[in-house]
Amino acid sequence: HAKMLYQSETMNNLVRQAEQVANIDATVLITGESGTGKGVLARAIHDLSPRRDRNFVVVDCAAIPPNLIESELFGHVKGAFTGAERENKGRLAEAHDGTLFIDEIGELPAEVQGRLLTFVQDRQYFPVGSTKSRHIEVRIIAATNRRLEEEVKAGRFRQDLFFRLNVVNFQLPPLRQRRDEILMFARYFIEQYRVQYSKAVRDLSTEVCEALMQYSWPGNI
């Protein structure tokens, strides 16, 4: 399902490391700027792992309101809070025996960080409003575009949770550091959209190639 395009030696080494890590259940932390492909790498690790036939569940901490993220992760029982008219098993339970990808974990509220730490350590958790613990087996891959070491120093991210997540770390380089891949990406997208939109464009002019190579690529897009 994950399609990784690369030809640089840096990315080749990174993918080889990902292939090795995929076969063990170590927790993975993927860091890098927005748009560098952290989610694609996480999916690739899952697809290369023994869990490939199980669920790959995504939690985007930046896209879920802070007051709802605890329930989204751990689920809740009926009547746990106003509006909880039915039970929600949560993303953790959905990922049982598979992989839970926690994207933008640097956005996770402080009060939820402690609960996640407990789960990472013990693989047990309490759904919101429940007094009965639940145990599941899941691999956790987290990603962030923040420098979590600095977030820890600033008191915005728990140091113990950082240590638990940072068992294996992948630092994805920005596109401006992968310039030997820029034209490869451009030609790939030309071919993809040429077919999709029935266009006659076949390649890039010299002027366009020069412009692409000189561009700074903010946002890596």
C-alpha atoms as a PDB file:
ATOM      1  CA  HIS A   1       0.000   0.000   0.000  1.00  0.00           C
ATOM      2  CA  ALA A   2       2.880   2.372   0.718  1.00  0.00           C
ATOM      3  CA  LYS A   3       4.720   3.652  -2.314  1.00  0.00           C
ATOM      4  CA  MET A   4       8.174   4.953  -1.504  1.00  0.00           C
ATOM      5  CA  LEU A   5      10.130   6.694  -4.241  1.00  0.00           C
ATOM      6  CA  TYR A   6      13.817   7.306  -3.697  1.00  0.00           C
ATOM      7  CA  GLN A   7      17.207   6.945  -5.324  1.00  0.00           C
ATOM      8  CA  SER A   8      19.578   8.805  -3.000  1.00  0.00           C
ATOM      9  CA  GLU A   9      22.064   6.892  -0.889  1.00  0.00           C
ATOM     10  CA  THR A  10      20.670   8.566   2.235  1.00  0.00           C
ATOM     11  CA  MET A  11      17.173   7.246   1.590  1.00  0.00           C
ATOM     12  CA  ASN A  12      18.493   3.869   0.462  1.00  0.00           C
ATOM     13  CA  ASN A  13      20.237   3.442   3.819  1.00  0.00           C
ATOM     14  CA  LEU A  14      17.142   4.604   5.682  1.00  0.00           C
ATOM     15  CA  VAL A  15      14.906   2.104   3.879  1.00  0.00           C
ATOM     16  CA  ARG A  16      17.352  -0.725   4.574  1.00  0.00           C
ATOM     17  CA  GLN A  17      17.196   0.154   8.264  1.00  0.00           C
ATOM     18  CA  ALA A  18      13.388   0.245   8.088  1.00  0.00           C
ATOM     19  CA  GLU A  19      13.362  -3.251   6.587  1.00  0.00           C
ATOM     20  CA  GLN A  20      15.408  -4.523   9.529  1.00  0.00           C
ATOM     21  CA  VAL A  21      13.294  -2.746  12.142  1.00  0.00           C
ATOM     22  CA  ALA A  22      10.038  -3.957  10.570  1.00  0.00           C
ATOM     23  CA  ASN A  23      10.672  -7.516  11.762  1.00  0.00           C
ATOM     24  CA  ILE A  24      10.903  -6.567  15.422  1.00  0.00           C
ATOM     25  CA  ASP A  25       8.231  -4.947  17.573  1.00  0.00           C
ATOM     26  CA  ALA A  26      10.326  -2.035  18.792  1.00  0.00           C
ATOM     27  CA  THR A  27       8.510   1.284  19.111  1.00  0.00           C
ATOM     28  CA  VAL A  28       9.529   3.697  16.344  1.00  0.00           C
ATOM     29  CA  LEU A  29       9.714   7.489  16.331  1.00  0.00           C
ATOM     30  CA  ILE A  30       9.863   9.173  12.915  1.00  0.00           C
ATOM     31  CA  THR A  31      10.950  12.803  12.853  1.00  0.00           C
ATOM     32  CA  GLY A  32      11.226  15.324  10.046  1.00  0.00           C
ATOM     33  CA  GLU A  33       9.654  18.400   8.562  1.00  0.00           C
ATOM     34  CA  SER A  34       6.076  18.424   7.296  1.00  0.00           C
ATOM     35  CA  GLY A  35       5.806  16.807   3.885  1.00  0.00           C
ATOM     36  CA  THR A  36       8.873  14.577   4.135  1.00  0.00           C
ATOM     37  CA  GLY A  37       6.855  11.350   4.044  1.00  0.00           C
ATOM     38  CA  LYS A  38       6.684  10.265   7.684  1.00  0.00           C
ATOM     39  CA  GLY A  39       3.318   8.604   7.192  1.00  0.00           C
ATOM     40  CA  VAL A  40       4.539   6.802   4.067  1.00  0.00           C
ATOM     41  CA  LEU A  41       7.529   5.395   5.958  1.00  0.00           C
ATOM     42  CA  ALA A  42       5.298   4.306   8.851  1.00  0.00           C
ATOM     43  CA  ARG A  43       3.026   2.453   6.428  1.00  0.00           C
ATOM     44  CA  ALA A  44       6.026   0.837   4.757  1.00  0.00           C
ATOM     45  CA  ILE A  45       7.312  -0.454   8.107  1.00  0.00           C
ATOM     46  CA  HIS A  46       3.897  -1.948   8.808  1.00  0.00           C
ATOM     47  CA  ASP A  47       3.654  -3.541   5.355  1.00  0.00           C
ATOM     48  CA  LEU A  48       7.095  -5.116   5.772  1.00  0.00           C
ATOM     49  CA  SER A  49       6.299  -6.459   9.242  1.00  0.00           C
ATOM     50  CA  PRO A  50       4.638  -9.699  10.398  1.00  0.00           C
ATOM     51  CA  ARG A  51       1.612  -7.516  11.244  1.00  0.00           C
ATOM     52  CA  ARG A  52       1.049  -6.611   7.595  1.00  0.00           C
ATOM     53  CA  ASP A  53      -2.279  -8.473   7.435  1.00  0.00           C
ATOM     54  CA  ARG A  54      -3.627  -6.653  10.490  1.00  0.00           C
ATOM     55  CA  ASN A  55      -4.996  -3.131  10.824  1.00  0.00           C
ATOM     56  CA  PHE A  56      -2.875  -0.031  10.305  1.00  0.00           C
ATOM     57  CA  VAL A  57      -4.723   2.596  12.340  1.00  0.00           C
ATOM     58  CA  VAL A  58      -3.865   6.303  12.122  1.00  0.00           C
ATOM     59  CA  VAL A  59      -4.383   8.883  14.859  1.00  0.00           C
ATOM     60  CA  ASP A  60      -3.586  12.442  13.747  1.00  0.00           C
ATOM     61  CA  CYS A  61      -3.157  14.421  16.949  1.00  0.00           C
ATOM     62  CA  ALA A  62      -3.179  17.715  15.043  1.00  0.00           C
ATOM     63  CA  ALA A  63      -6.563  16.994  13.464  1.00  0.00           C
ATOM     64  CA  ILE A  64      -8.481  15.916  16.588  1.00  0.00           C
ATOM     65  CA  PRO A  65      -9.719  18.540  19.085  1.00  0.00           C
ATOM     66  CA  PRO A  66      -7.743  18.292  22.360  1.00  0.00           C
ATOM     67  CA  ASN A  67     -10.878  17.572  24.382  1.00  0.00           C
ATOM     68  CA  LEU A  68     -11.716  14.553  22.202  1.00  0.00           C
ATOM     69  CA  ILE A  69      -8.327  12.953  21.633  1.00  0.00           C
ATOM     70  CA  GLU A  70      -8.368  10.934  24.868  1.00  0.00           C
ATOM     71  CA  SER A  71     -11.647   9.309  23.876  1.00  0.00           C
ATOM     72  CA  GLU A  72     -10.424   8.779  20.293  1.00  0.00           C
ATOM     73  CA  LEU A  73      -7.342   6.942  21.520  1.00  0.00           C
ATOM     74  CA  PHE A  74      -8.649   4.951  24.458  1.00  0.00           C
ATOM     75  CA  GLY A  75     -12.360   4.821  23.711  1.00  0.00           C
ATOM     76  CA  HIS A  76     -15.131   5.466  26.205  1.00  0.00           C
ATOM     77  CA  VAL A  77     -18.056   3.697  27.807  1.00  0.00           C
ATOM     78  CA  LYS A  78     -21.641   4.791  27.363  1.00  0.00           C
ATOM     79  CA  GLY A  79     -22.443   7.757  29.611  1.00  0.00           C
ATOM     80  CA  ALA A  80     -18.786   8.585  30.295  1.00  0.00           C
ATOM     81  CA  PHE A  81     -19.448  12.240  29.489  1.00  0.00           C
ATOM     82  CA  THR A  82     -22.161  14.445  28.023  1.00  0.00           C
ATOM     83  CA  GLY A  83     -22.900  13.223  24.516  1.00  0.00           C
ATOM     84  CA  ALA A  84     -21.458   9.734  25.033  1.00  0.00           C
ATOM     85  CA  GLU A  85     -24.655   7.988  24.024  1.00  0.00           C
ATOM     86  CA  ARG A  86     -22.912   4.800  22.940  1.00  0.00           C
ATOM     87  CA  GLU A  87     -19.691   2.981  23.624  1.00  0.00           C
ATOM     88  CA  ASN A  88     -16.650   3.789  21.495  1.00  0.00           C
ATOM     89  CA  LYS A  89     -13.862   1.210  21.530  1.00  0.00           C
ATOM     90  CA  GLY A  90     -11.191   3.703  20.429  1.00  0.00           C
ATOM     91  CA  ARG A  91      -8.279   3.598  17.994  1.00  0.00           C
ATOM     92  CA  LEU A  92      -6.069   1.491  20.250  1.00  0.00           C
ATOM     93  CA  ALA A  93      -8.588  -1.334  20.264  1.00  0.00           C
ATOM     94  CA  GLU A  94      -9.039  -1.016  16.484  1.00  0.00           C
ATOM     95  CA  ALA A  95      -5.305  -1.547  16.074  1.00  0.00           C
ATOM     96  CA  HIS A  96      -5.205  -4.760  18.152  1.00  0.00           C
ATOM     97  CA  ASP A  97      -2.516  -7.113  16.779  1.00  0.00           C
ATOM     98  CA  GLY A  98      -1.659  -4.469  14.157  1.00  0.00           C
ATOM     99  CA  THR A  99       0.053  -1.080  14.107  1.00  0.00           C
ATOM    100  CA  LEU A 100      -1.053   2.215  15.650  1.00  0.00           C
ATOM    101  CA  PHE A 101       0.463   5.216  13.894  1.00  0.00           C
ATOM    102  CA  ILE A 102       0.288   8.325  16.083  1.00  0.00           C
ATOM    103  CA  ASP A 103       0.972  11.250  13.777  1.00  0.00           C
ATOM    104  CA  GLU A 104       2.034  14.669  15.092  1.00  0.00           C
ATOM    105  CA  ILE A 105       2.488  13.265  18.586  1.00  0.00           C
ATOM    106  CA  GLY A 106       4.033  16.566  19.642  1.00  0.00           C
ATOM    107  CA  GLU A 107       0.484  17.963  19.633  1.00  0.00           C
ATOM    108  CA  LEU A 108      -0.721  15.417  22.220  1.00  0.00           C
ATOM    109  CA  PRO A 109      -2.149  17.238  25.284  1.00  0.00           C
ATOM    110  CA  ALA A 110      -0.108  16.867  28.474  1.00  0.00           C
ATOM    111  CA  GLU A 111      -2.916  15.122  30.345  1.00  0.00           C
ATOM    112  CA  VAL A 112      -3.121  12.421  27.675  1.00  0.00           C
ATOM    113  CA  GLN A 113       0.644  11.913  27.514  1.00  0.00           C
ATOM    114  CA  GLY A 114       0.597  10.255  30.946  1.00  0.00           C
ATOM    115  CA  ARG A 115      -2.090   7.780  29.912  1.00  0.00           C
ATOM    116  CA  LEU A 116      -0.227   6.930  26.733  1.00  0.00           C
ATOM    117  CA  LEU A 117       2.971   6.375  28.740  1.00  0.00           C
ATOM    118  CA  THR A 118       1.158   3.892  30.977  1.00  0.00           C
ATOM    119  CA  PHE A 119      -0.093   2.010  27.939  1.00  0.00           C
ATOM    120  CA  VAL A 120       3.305   1.943  26.222  1.00  0.00           C
ATOM    121  CA  GLN A 121       4.820   0.477  29.404  1.00  0.00           C
ATOM    122  CA  ASP A 122       2.122  -2.029  30.360  1.00  0.00           C
ATOM    123  CA  ARG A 123      -0.036  -2.491  27.232  1.00  0.00           C
ATOM    124  CA  GLN A 124      -3.037  -1.875  29.485  1.00  0.00           C
ATOM    125  CA  TYR A 125      -5.416   1.062  29.589  1.00  0.00           C
ATOM    126  CA  PHE A 126      -8.799   2.172  30.884  1.00  0.00           C
ATOM    127  CA  PRO A 127     -11.393   3.497  28.443  1.00  0.00           C
ATOM    128  CA  VAL A 128     -12.725   6.886  29.526  1.00  0.00           C
ATOM    129  CA  GLY A 129     -15.346   6.337  32.233  1.00  0.00           C
ATOM    130  CA  SER A 130     -14.456   2.674  32.788  1.00  0.00           C
ATOM    131  CA  THR A 131     -13.033   1.000  35.899  1.00  0.00           C
ATOM    132  CA  LYS A 132     -11.974  -2.138  34.031  1.00  0.00           C
ATOM    133  CA  SER A 133      -8.589  -2.229  32.346  1.00  0.00           C
ATOM    134  CA  ARG A 134      -8.121  -3.634  28.869  1.00  0.00           C
ATOM    135  CA  HIS A 135      -5.046  -5.322  27.431  1.00  0.00           C
ATOM    136  CA  ILE A 136      -4.136  -5.275  23.756  1.00  0.00           C
ATOM    137  CA  GLU A 137      -1.101  -6.109  21.645  1.00  0.00           C
ATOM    138  CA  VAL A 138      -0.126  -3.406  19.187  1.00  0.00           C
ATOM    139  CA  ARG A 139       2.970  -1.885  17.662  1.00  0.00           C
ATOM    140  CA  ILE A 140       3.298   1.868  18.066  1.00  0.00           C
ATOM    141  CA  ILE A 141       4.892   4.134  15.478  1.00  0.00           C
ATOM    142  CA  ALA A 142       4.855   7.840  16.295  1.00  0.00           C
ATOM    143  CA  ALA A 143       5.805  10.808  14.143  1.00  0.00           C
ATOM    144  CA  THR A 144       6.348  14.508  14.665  1.00  0.00           C
ATOM    145  CA  ASN A 145       7.682  17.576  12.880  1.00  0.00           C
ATOM    146  CA  ARG A 146       8.669  19.076  16.229  1.00  0.00           C
ATOM    147  CA  ARG A 147      12.006  18.668  17.995  1.00  0.00           C
ATOM    148  CA  LEU A 148      10.783  16.640  20.952  1.00  0.00           C
ATOM    149  CA  GLU A 149      14.043  17.115  22.870  1.00  0.00           C
ATOM    150  CA  GLU A 150      13.335  20.854  22.892  1.00  0.00           C
ATOM    151  CA  GLU A 151       9.689  20.224  23.795  1.00  0.00           C
ATOM    152  CA  VAL A 152      10.895  18.164  26.763  1.00  0.00           C
ATOM    153  CA  LYS A 153      13.225  20.959  27.910  1.00  0.00           C
ATOM    154  CA  ALA A 154      10.360  23.446  27.603  1.00  0.00           C
ATOM    155  CA  GLY A 155       8.126  21.230  29.726  1.00  0.00           C
ATOM    156  CA  ARG A 156       5.594  20.626  26.967  1.00  0.00           C
ATOM    157  CA  PHE A 157       6.366  16.938  26.451  1.00  0.00           C
ATOM    158  CA  ARG A 158       7.052  14.256  29.022  1.00  0.00           C
ATOM    159  CA  GLN A 159      10.645  13.088  29.069  1.00  0.00           C
ATOM    160  CA  ASP A 160       9.725   9.548  30.135  1.00  0.00           C
ATOM    161  CA  LEU A 161       7.260   9.245  27.237  1.00  0.00           C
ATOM    162  CA  PHE A 162       9.887  10.555  24.830  1.00  0.00           C
ATOM    163  CA  PHE A 163      12.336   7.877  25.979  1.00  0.00           C
ATOM    164  CA  ARG A 164       9.684   5.163  25.596  1.00  0.00           C
ATOM    165  CA  LEU A 165       8.835   6.272  22.057  1.00  0.00           C
ATOM    166  CA  ASN A 166      12.366   6.967  20.877  1.00  0.00           C
ATOM    167  CA  VAL A 167      13.527   3.333  20.885  1.00  0.00           C
ATOM    168  CA  VAL A 168      14.274   3.434  17.152  1.00  0.00           C
ATOM    169  CA  ASN A 169      14.483   6.823  15.472  1.00  0.00           C
ATOM    170  CA  PHE A 170      14.248   7.692  11.796  1.00  0.00           C
ATOM    171  CA  GLN A 171      15.101  11.247  10.739  1.00  0.00           C
ATOM    172  CA  LEU A 172      13.623  11.950   7.314  1.00  0.00           C
ATOM    173  CA  PRO A 173      15.627  14.536   5.348  1.00  0.00           C
ATOM    174  CA  PRO A 174      13.817  17.446   3.657  1.00  0.00           C
ATOM    175  CA  LEU A 175      13.585  17.572  -0.130  1.00  0.00           C
ATOM    176  CA  ARG A 176      16.203  20.314  -0.367  1.00  0.00           C
ATOM    177  CA  GLN A 177      18.699  17.759   0.990  1.00  0.00           C
ATOM    178  CA  ARG A 178      17.588  15.147  -1.569  1.00  0.00           C
ATOM    179  CA  ARG A 179      18.116  17.204  -4.713  1.00  0.00           C
ATOM    180  CA  ASP A 180      19.172  14.190  -6.745  1.00  0.00           C
ATOM    181  CA  GLU A 181      15.578  12.950  -6.379  1.00  0.00           C
ATOM    182  CA  ILE A 182      13.735  16.135  -7.382  1.00  0.00           C
ATOM    183  CA  LEU A 183      13.586  15.422 -11.123  1.00  0.00           C
ATOM    184  CA  MET A 184      12.715  11.798 -10.434  1.00  0.00           C
ATOM    185  CA  PHE A 185       9.687  12.964  -8.422  1.00  0.00           C
ATOM    186  CA  ALA A 186       8.729  15.475 -11.108  1.00  0.00           C
ATOM    187  CA  ARG A 187       8.807  12.879 -13.882  1.00  0.00           C
ATOM    188  CA  TYR A 188       6.863  10.416 -11.750  1.00  0.00           C
ATOM    189  CA  PHE A 189       4.059  12.942 -11.193  1.00  0.00           C
ATOM    190  CA  ILE A 190       4.094  13.976 -14.853  1.00  0.00           C
ATOM    191  CA  GLU A 191       3.511  10.383 -15.889  1.00  0.00           C
ATOM    192  CA  GLN A 192       0.847   9.862 -13.232  1.00  0.00           C
ATOM    193  CA  TYR A 193      -1.192  12.938 -14.161  1.00  0.00           C
ATOM    194  CA  ARG A 194      -0.514  12.669 -17.897  1.00  0.00           C
ATOM    195  CA  VAL A 195      -2.470   9.425 -17.862  1.00  0.00           C
ATOM    196  CA  GLN A 196      -5.109  10.653 -15.410  1.00  0.00           C
ATOM    197  CA  TYR A 197      -5.890  13.833 -17.357  1.00  0.00           C
ATOM    198  CA  SER A 198      -5.054  12.573 -20.871  1.00  0.00           C
ATOM    199  CA  LYS A 199      -2.319  15.153 -21.419  1.00  0.00           C
ATOM    200  CA  ALA A 200       0.423  14.959 -24.035  1.00  0.00           C
ATOM    201  CA  VAL A 201       3.230  16.198 -21.758  1.00  0.00           C
ATOM    202  CA  ARG A 202       6.123  13.744 -21.871  1.00  0.00           C
ATOM    203  CA  ASP A 203       9.098  15.367 -20.206  1.00  0.00           C
ATOM    204  CA  LEU A 204      10.634  18.531 -18.787  1.00  0.00           C
ATOM    205  CA  SER A 205      12.443  21.265 -20.680  1.00  0.00           C
ATOM    206  CA  THR A 206      15.951  22.257 -19.678  1.00  0.00           C
ATOM    207  CA  GLU A 207      14.617  25.533 -18.268  1.00  0.00           C
ATOM    208  CA  VAL A 208      12.065  23.735 -16.095  1.00  0.00           C
ATOM    209  CA  CYS A 209      14.685  21.293 -14.816  1.00  0.00           C
ATOM    210  CA  GLU A 210      16.915  24.206 -13.821  1.00  0.00           C
ATOM    211  CA  ALA A 211      14.027  25.990 -12.082  1.00  0.00           C
ATOM    212  CA  LEU A 212      13.094  22.852 -10.117  1.00  0.00           C
ATOM    213  CA  MET A 213      16.668  22.257  -9.028  1.00  0.00           C
ATOM    214  CA  GLN A 214      17.129  25.885  -7.906  1.00  0.00           C
ATOM    215  CA  TYR A 215      13.862  26.041  -5.948  1.00  0.00           C
ATOM    216  CA  SER A 216      14.079  25.907  -2.127  1.00  0.00           C
ATOM    217  CA  TRP A 217      11.060  23.559  -1.728  1.00  0.00           C
ATOM    218  CA  PRO A 218       9.450  25.000   1.408  1.00  0.00           C
ATOM    219  CA  GLY A 219       6.987  22.497   2.815  1.00  0.00           C
ATOM    220  CA  ASN A 220       8.683  19.777   0.744  1.00  0.00           C
ATOM    221  CA  ILE A 221       5.850  19.935  -1.807  1.00  0.00           C
END
